[in-house]
């Protein structure tokens, strides 16, 4: 039914907008702005962690919806032998691998920002060196998430174009 297909695609696109747009906002707008809000690395890191937790309340469901609608949209080719024998199947396979990598990096990102780490930062129980190392890890993983997310969008555009 065309209306159902359109709604599923629309839901997929909305979820992608939330995931990628929010990730870009955090990295490109919020992170640089934090230097004007707080002079201490601990203060900036605490704000970023809190904003990240709030964002995850919509980002994680969006990622889940993206995965579900993506699997639905690709179910016909996933069950056929065309997965590795056509350009569409190869690009879809690359997209799936990128999504798996994205999930792995996102899980690693979340795991290093546990609530007890946040408490240690706020109570200044972590050394400056540890805080700086944590900040560097968070920034690196965040950049990788954005990069992979944009690559997934490229694969989606290629699939849509019939490449």
Protein backbone atom coordinates (compact mmCIF):
# COMPACT_ATOMS: atom_id res chain seq x y z
CA UNK A 1 0.00 0.00 0.00
CA UNK A 2 1.69 3.25 -1.12
CA UNK A 3 0.54 5.36 1.85
CA UNK A 4 2.06 2.88 4.32
CA UNK A 5 5.34 2.84 2.37
CA UNK A 6 5.36 6.66 2.32
CA UNK A 7 4.74 6.84 6.08
CA UNK A 8 7.52 4.36 6.79
CA UNK A 9 9.95 6.33 4.59
CA UNK A 10 8.83 9.59 6.24
CA UNK A 11 9.39 8.09 9.70
CA UNK A 12 12.83 6.90 8.58
CA UNK A 13 13.73 10.39 7.32
CA UNK A 14 12.46 12.13 10.47
CA UNK A 15 14.50 9.76 12.63
CA UNK A 16 17.60 10.33 10.49
CA UNK A 17 17.09 14.09 10.82
CA UNK A 18 16.92 13.83 14.60
CA UNK A 19 19.96 11.54 14.84
CA UNK A 20 22.28 13.28 12.38
CA UNK A 21 21.03 16.84 12.94
CA UNK A 22 21.29 16.52 16.71
CA UNK A 23 24.75 14.98 16.52
CA UNK A 24 25.96 17.76 14.22
CA UNK A 25 24.44 20.40 16.50
CA UNK A 26 26.24 19.00 19.54
CA UNK A 27 29.60 18.88 17.80
CA UNK A 28 29.49 21.97 15.60
CA UNK A 29 27.39 24.41 17.63
CA UNK A 30 27.29 23.43 21.30
CA UNK A 31 30.86 22.20 21.85
CA UNK A 32 32.53 25.41 20.59
CA UNK A 33 29.96 27.55 22.43
CA UNK A 34 30.81 25.89 25.74
CA UNK A 35 34.18 27.66 25.78
CA UNK A 36 32.26 30.93 26.22
CA UNK A 37 30.01 29.50 28.93
CA UNK A 38 32.56 27.84 31.22
CA UNK A 39 36.29 28.36 31.54
CA UNK A 40 36.93 25.06 33.31
CA UNK A 41 37.22 21.81 31.39
CA UNK A 42 35.18 20.12 34.13
CA UNK A 43 32.37 22.65 33.72
CA UNK A 44 32.27 22.26 29.94
CA UNK A 45 32.40 18.49 30.18
CA UNK A 46 29.59 18.41 32.75
CA UNK A 47 27.36 20.58 30.55
CA UNK A 48 28.11 18.48 27.49
CA UNK A 49 27.37 15.24 29.35
CA UNK A 50 24.05 16.61 30.65
CA UNK A 51 23.02 17.88 27.22
CA UNK A 52 24.09 14.54 25.71
CA UNK A 53 21.91 12.65 28.19
CA UNK A 54 18.92 14.83 27.29
CA UNK A 55 19.61 14.38 23.57
CA UNK A 56 19.87 10.60 24.01
CA UNK A 57 16.26 10.54 25.21
CA UNK A 58 15.21 11.29 21.63
CA UNK A 59 18.34 10.07 19.82
CA UNK A 60 18.25 6.47 21.04
CA UNK A 61 14.59 5.92 20.08
CA UNK A 62 15.33 7.62 16.75
CA UNK A 63 18.21 5.24 16.13
CA UNK A 64 15.96 2.29 16.99
CA UNK A 65 13.29 3.55 14.60
CA UNK A 66 15.95 4.07 11.91
CA UNK A 67 17.10 0.49 12.28
CA UNK A 68 13.55 -0.92 12.26
CA UNK A 69 12.38 1.12 9.27
CA UNK A 70 15.66 0.51 7.45
CA UNK A 71 15.27 -3.25 7.88
CA UNK A 72 11.66 -3.00 6.73
CA UNK A 73 12.63 -0.95 3.68
CA UNK A 74 15.34 -3.42 2.71
CA UNK A 75 13.60 -6.69 3.63
CA UNK A 76 13.01 -7.69 0.01
CA UNK A 77 16.68 -7.59 -0.93
CA UNK A 78 17.86 -8.96 2.40
CA UNK A 79 15.96 -12.18 1.70
CA UNK A 80 17.15 -12.58 -1.88
CA UNK A 81 20.43 -13.62 -3.42
CA UNK A 82 20.89 -10.15 -4.93
CA UNK A 83 22.54 -8.83 -1.78
CA UNK A 84 26.08 -9.44 -3.04
CA UNK A 85 25.48 -9.63 -6.78
CA UNK A 86 24.03 -6.16 -7.50
CA UNK A 87 25.25 -2.62 -6.87
CA UNK A 88 22.16 -2.02 -4.75
CA UNK A 89 22.92 -5.08 -2.62
CA UNK A 90 26.58 -4.14 -2.21
CA UNK A 91 25.76 -0.56 -1.20
CA UNK A 92 23.09 -1.86 1.17
CA UNK A 93 25.66 -4.22 2.70
CA UNK A 94 28.09 -1.32 3.19
CA UNK A 95 25.29 0.71 4.79
CA UNK A 96 24.48 -2.15 7.17
CA UNK A 97 28.15 -2.51 8.14
CA UNK A 98 28.34 1.25 8.77
CA UNK A 99 25.21 1.10 10.97
CA UNK A 100 26.72 -1.76 12.98
CA UNK A 101 29.93 0.27 13.40
CA UNK A 102 27.85 3.31 14.39
CA UNK A 103 26.05 1.34 17.08
CA UNK A 104 29.35 -0.02 18.42
CA UNK A 105 30.92 3.44 18.62
CA UNK A 106 27.77 4.92 20.16
CA UNK A 107 27.72 2.20 22.84
CA UNK A 108 31.40 2.88 23.60
CA UNK A 109 30.62 6.60 23.79
CA UNK A 110 27.81 6.04 26.27
CA UNK A 111 29.83 3.57 28.37
CA UNK A 112 32.66 6.01 29.04
CA UNK A 113 30.19 8.64 30.28
CA UNK A 114 28.70 6.67 33.13
CA UNK A 115 26.84 8.51 35.94
CA UNK A 116 29.61 7.77 38.44
CA UNK A 117 32.14 9.41 36.10
CA UNK A 118 29.90 12.46 35.86
CA UNK A 119 29.73 12.62 39.68
CA UNK A 120 33.51 12.37 39.92
CA UNK A 121 33.90 15.24 37.45
CA UNK A 122 31.42 17.44 39.32
CA UNK A 123 32.97 16.71 42.72
CA UNK A 124 36.47 17.25 41.28
CA UNK A 125 37.57 13.74 42.27
CA UNK A 126 39.22 13.23 38.87
CA UNK A 127 42.65 14.58 38.10
CA UNK A 128 43.01 17.23 35.40
CA UNK A 129 44.86 14.69 33.31
CA UNK A 130 42.00 12.16 33.63
CA UNK A 131 39.39 14.81 32.81
CA UNK A 132 41.35 15.93 29.75
CA UNK A 133 41.80 12.32 28.60
CA UNK A 134 38.08 11.67 29.03
CA UNK A 135 37.23 14.86 27.14
CA UNK A 136 39.50 13.80 24.27
CA UNK A 137 37.87 10.35 24.12
CA UNK A 138 34.37 11.86 24.11
CA UNK A 139 35.29 14.30 21.34
CA UNK A 140 36.93 11.59 19.22
CA UNK A 141 34.01 9.17 19.58
CA UNK A 142 31.52 11.97 18.89
CA UNK A 143 33.37 12.88 15.68
CA UNK A 144 33.43 9.24 14.60
CA UNK A 145 29.67 8.98 15.24
CA UNK A 146 29.02 12.06 13.09
CA UNK A 147 31.33 10.83 10.33
CA UNK A 148 29.74 7.38 10.21
CA UNK A 149 26.23 8.91 10.34
CA UNK A 150 27.02 11.10 7.34
CA UNK A 151 28.48 8.09 5.50
CA UNK A 152 25.26 6.16 6.18
CA UNK A 153 23.30 9.08 4.68
CA UNK A 154 25.53 8.93 1.59
CA UNK A 155 24.79 5.23 1.22
CA UNK A 156 21.05 5.97 1.57
CA UNK A 157 21.29 8.62 -1.14
CA UNK A 158 23.13 6.19 -3.41
CA UNK A 159 20.46 3.53 -2.83
CA UNK A 160 17.71 6.04 -3.55
CA UNK A 161 19.46 7.14 -6.76
CA UNK A 162 19.69 3.54 -7.91
CA UNK A 163 23.47 3.52 -8.12
